[in-house]
Protein backbone atom coordinates (compact mmCIF):
# COMPACT_ATOMS: atom_id res chain seq x y z
CA MET A 1 0.00 0.00 0.00
CA GLN A 2 1.39 3.39 -1.01
CA PRO A 3 1.41 6.09 1.65
CA SER A 4 -0.96 8.91 0.90
CA TYR A 5 0.17 12.45 0.30
CA LEU A 6 -1.25 13.45 3.67
CA GLN A 7 0.68 10.65 5.48
CA SER A 8 3.90 11.73 3.77
CA LEU A 9 3.28 15.35 4.71
CA LEU A 10 2.62 14.39 8.34
CA ARG A 11 5.80 12.29 8.43
CA VAL A 12 7.89 15.21 7.10
CA ARG A 13 6.28 17.54 9.65
CA ALA A 14 7.12 15.08 12.46
CA TYR A 15 10.77 14.95 11.32
CA LEU A 16 10.96 18.75 11.27
CA ILE A 17 9.48 19.03 14.76
CA PHE A 18 11.86 16.35 16.09
CA GLY A 19 14.83 18.16 14.51
CA ALA A 20 13.77 21.46 16.07
CA LEU A 21 13.47 19.78 19.48
CA LEU A 22 16.99 18.38 19.14
CA ILE A 23 18.35 21.82 18.29
CA MET A 24 16.53 23.35 21.26
CA ALA A 25 17.88 20.65 23.59
CA GLY A 26 21.41 21.29 22.34
CA SER A 27 20.96 25.02 22.96
CA LEU A 28 19.69 24.34 26.47
CA PHE A 29 22.87 22.40 27.34
CA ALA A 30 25.04 25.12 25.81
CA ALA A 31 23.17 27.84 27.67
CA SER A 32 23.29 26.08 31.04
CA GLY A 33 26.92 24.97 30.78
CA ILE A 34 27.53 21.88 32.86
CA TYR A 35 24.41 22.42 34.94
CA GLY A 36 22.28 20.39 32.54
CA PHE A 37 23.98 17.14 33.54
CA THR A 38 22.99 14.72 36.27
CA LEU A 39 25.23 11.78 37.10
CA ASN A 40 25.18 9.34 39.99
CA SER A 41 27.15 9.99 43.14
CA ILE A 42 29.63 7.35 44.29
CA ASP A 43 26.73 6.00 46.38
CA GLY A 44 24.57 5.56 43.25
CA LYS A 45 22.15 8.43 43.91
CA PRO A 46 21.36 11.05 41.22
CA ALA A 47 23.57 14.09 41.83
CA PRO A 48 22.76 17.01 39.49
CA LEU A 49 25.62 19.33 38.67
CA ALA A 50 23.03 22.13 38.96
CA ASP A 51 23.46 21.68 42.72
CA TYR A 52 26.76 23.57 42.30
CA LYS A 53 25.34 26.65 40.56
CA GLY A 54 27.23 29.75 41.63
CA LYS A 55 30.36 27.83 42.61
CA VAL A 56 33.73 27.58 40.88
CA ILE A 57 34.11 23.92 39.96
CA LEU A 58 37.12 21.77 39.16
CA VAL A 59 36.07 18.62 37.27
CA VAL A 60 38.69 15.84 37.39
CA ASN A 61 38.75 12.31 35.98
CA VAL A 62 40.46 10.28 38.71
CA ALA A 63 41.95 6.81 39.10
CA SER A 64 43.31 4.93 42.10
CA GLN A 65 46.20 3.03 40.48
CA CYS A 66 47.81 5.78 38.40
CA GLY A 67 51.12 7.57 38.70
CA TYR A 68 49.08 10.74 39.21
CA THR A 69 46.95 9.26 42.01
CA PRO A 70 48.94 11.13 44.70
CA GLN A 71 47.29 14.29 43.29
CA TYR A 72 44.33 13.33 45.50
CA SER A 73 46.29 14.91 48.39
CA ALA A 74 46.73 18.23 46.57
CA LEU A 75 43.12 18.14 45.35
CA GLU A 76 41.85 17.67 48.90
CA SER A 77 44.19 20.41 50.14
CA ILE A 78 42.96 23.05 47.65
CA TYR A 79 39.37 21.95 48.23
CA GLU A 80 39.79 22.53 51.97
CA LYS A 81 41.50 25.88 51.34
CA TYR A 82 38.83 27.31 49.02
CA LYS A 83 35.56 25.45 49.73
CA ASP A 84 34.28 28.19 52.04
CA LYS A 85 34.85 30.73 49.25
CA GLY A 86 32.56 28.93 46.79
CA PHE A 87 34.88 26.28 45.31
CA VAL A 88 34.18 22.60 44.80
CA ILE A 89 36.01 19.69 43.20
CA LEU A 90 34.05 16.94 41.46
CA GLY A 91 35.92 13.66 40.99
CA PHE A 92 34.86 11.26 38.23
CA PRO A 93 36.55 7.84 38.48
CA ALA A 94 37.28 6.34 35.07
CA ASN A 95 38.92 3.12 33.97
CA ASN A 96 39.78 4.26 30.45
CA PHE A 97 43.57 4.41 30.74
CA GLY A 98 45.66 1.36 31.56
CA HIS A 99 42.81 -0.15 33.61
CA GLN A 100 43.95 2.04 36.50
CA GLU A 101 40.51 2.29 38.10
CA PRO A 102 39.33 -1.34 38.20
CA GLY A 103 37.41 -1.19 41.49
CA THR A 104 33.73 -0.96 42.25
CA ASN A 105 32.22 2.33 43.40
CA GLU A 106 32.33 1.09 46.99
CA GLU A 107 36.03 0.17 46.66
CA ILE A 108 36.80 3.55 45.08
CA LYS A 109 35.00 5.40 47.88
CA THR A 110 36.85 3.41 50.54
CA PHE A 111 40.20 4.03 48.83
CA CYS A 112 39.61 7.78 48.51
CA THR A 113 38.50 8.28 52.09
CA ARG A 114 40.98 5.96 53.80
CA LYS A 115 44.12 6.62 51.78
CA TYR A 116 43.65 10.33 50.95
CA SER A 117 40.91 11.53 53.35
CA VAL A 118 38.93 12.86 50.38
CA THR A 119 35.89 14.93 51.37
CA PHE A 120 35.06 16.54 48.01
CA PRO A 121 32.26 14.91 45.98
CA ILE A 122 33.15 11.74 44.08
CA TYR A 123 30.77 10.41 41.47
CA SER A 124 30.14 6.86 40.22
CA LYS A 125 32.65 5.44 37.79
CA ILE A 126 32.07 6.60 34.21
CA SER A 127 33.81 6.51 30.84
CA VAL A 128 35.57 9.71 29.76
CA LYS A 129 36.52 8.47 26.31
CA ASP A 130 34.78 7.03 23.24
CA PRO A 131 33.06 4.78 22.37
CA ASP A 132 30.99 4.95 25.58
CA GLN A 133 31.96 8.44 26.73
CA ALA A 134 29.62 9.97 29.32
CA PRO A 135 27.67 12.94 27.92
CA LEU A 136 29.33 15.28 30.44
CA TYR A 137 32.73 14.45 28.99
CA THR A 138 31.44 14.78 25.44
CA TYR A 139 30.45 18.31 26.43
CA LEU A 140 33.73 19.06 28.23
CA THR A 141 35.91 17.95 25.32
CA LYS A 142 34.10 19.81 22.57
CA ASP A 143 35.19 23.29 21.58
CA THR A 144 33.39 25.64 23.93
CA GLY A 145 35.44 28.64 22.87
CA ALA A 146 37.86 28.28 25.77
CA GLY A 147 40.47 26.36 23.76
CA ILE A 148 39.77 23.11 25.58
CA LYS A 149 38.75 20.93 22.65
CA GLY A 150 40.19 17.45 22.43
CA GLU A 151 39.82 14.00 23.85
CA ILE A 152 40.97 13.09 27.33
CA LYS A 153 44.47 11.67 27.08
CA TRP A 154 44.96 10.33 30.61
CA ASN A 155 43.77 10.30 34.20
CA PHE A 156 43.65 13.54 36.22
CA THR A 157 42.77 15.89 33.37
CA LYS A 158 41.18 18.92 35.02
CA PHE A 159 38.52 21.36 33.82
CA LEU A 160 37.94 24.66 35.60
CA VAL A 161 34.35 25.88 35.43
CA ASP A 162 33.26 29.42 36.32
CA ARG A 163 30.33 30.38 38.55
CA ASN A 164 28.01 30.40 35.51
CA GLY A 165 28.78 26.81 34.52
CA ASN A 166 31.14 27.68 31.65
CA VAL A 167 34.37 25.78 31.13
CA VAL A 168 37.16 28.36 31.25
CA ARG A 169 40.40 26.33 31.48
CA ARG A 170 41.73 22.86 30.93
CA PHE A 171 44.76 21.46 32.73
CA GLU A 172 46.47 18.29 31.56
CA PRO A 173 47.39 15.57 34.09
CA ALA A 174 50.96 16.73 34.75
CA VAL A 175 49.71 20.11 36.04
CA THR A 176 49.29 19.53 39.75
CA PRO A 177 46.30 20.99 41.59
CA ASP A 178 48.59 23.06 43.83
CA SER A 179 50.72 24.43 40.97
CA PRO A 180 50.94 28.25 40.75
CA GLU A 181 49.24 28.09 37.35
CA MET A 182 46.19 26.29 38.70
CA VAL A 183 45.97 28.16 42.01
CA THR A 184 46.11 31.49 40.15
CA ALA A 185 43.33 30.37 37.78
CA ILE A 186 41.14 29.20 40.67
CA GLU A 187 41.67 32.39 42.67
CA ARG A 188 40.90 34.51 39.60
CA GLN A 189 37.56 32.73 39.16
CA LEU A 190 36.72 32.99 42.85
CA LYS A 191 37.12 36.78 42.67
CA GLN A 192 34.56 37.08 39.88
C-alpha cells in the first residue's frame, strides 16, 4: 500500500518538529553549561551538577592506580582551602587508561577516604573516552570557545568551570592541583 500524500506530509512535519526539538535541547545544554547534567554519586544516587550553581568547579577524571593518584592529596588540600569561598572539586573515576581504576564504586570510595581523606564529591565510575563516553565528557571535550577541545588523554585531566557553569580552562594531568598556574586560575575565578 502506497502512503498517501497526507501521510507523507505528516511524516515530514514530524521529522521537522523532532529536529527542532533536538536543536533546542542542544541550545539548552550550551546555555546552562555543565548544569544540565545529572550523574550518579559514588553511592549511586542522582547528583545534578546544577546543585553547584554559583560555585567555581574543578572537574577531574580520577583513578586509584595511576602515577598521578597522589594528586588526590593536593586536590583535597585546595578543596579545603577554598571550599568556604565557593569552590568545589568533582571527581569522576574512570577506567579508560591502563585499567587504573578497576574497582567498584564502593572500593573507590573506601580508597579515597581511607588513603587520601577525600571529602570533596566523588561520582560513580564513568567513561571519559569514546566509544561509551559519558555525555558530560562529550560536552567538556568539545570546543566551547575556551580552547579546551580534544579527547581526554589520561587520568587527572582537570577542567575549571566558572560560577556560571562555563568551562574556562583545561589542565592536563601533569599540572598539579597546587601548581601556581592552577591556584592562580582558581583564585581569579573565585574573585569574579
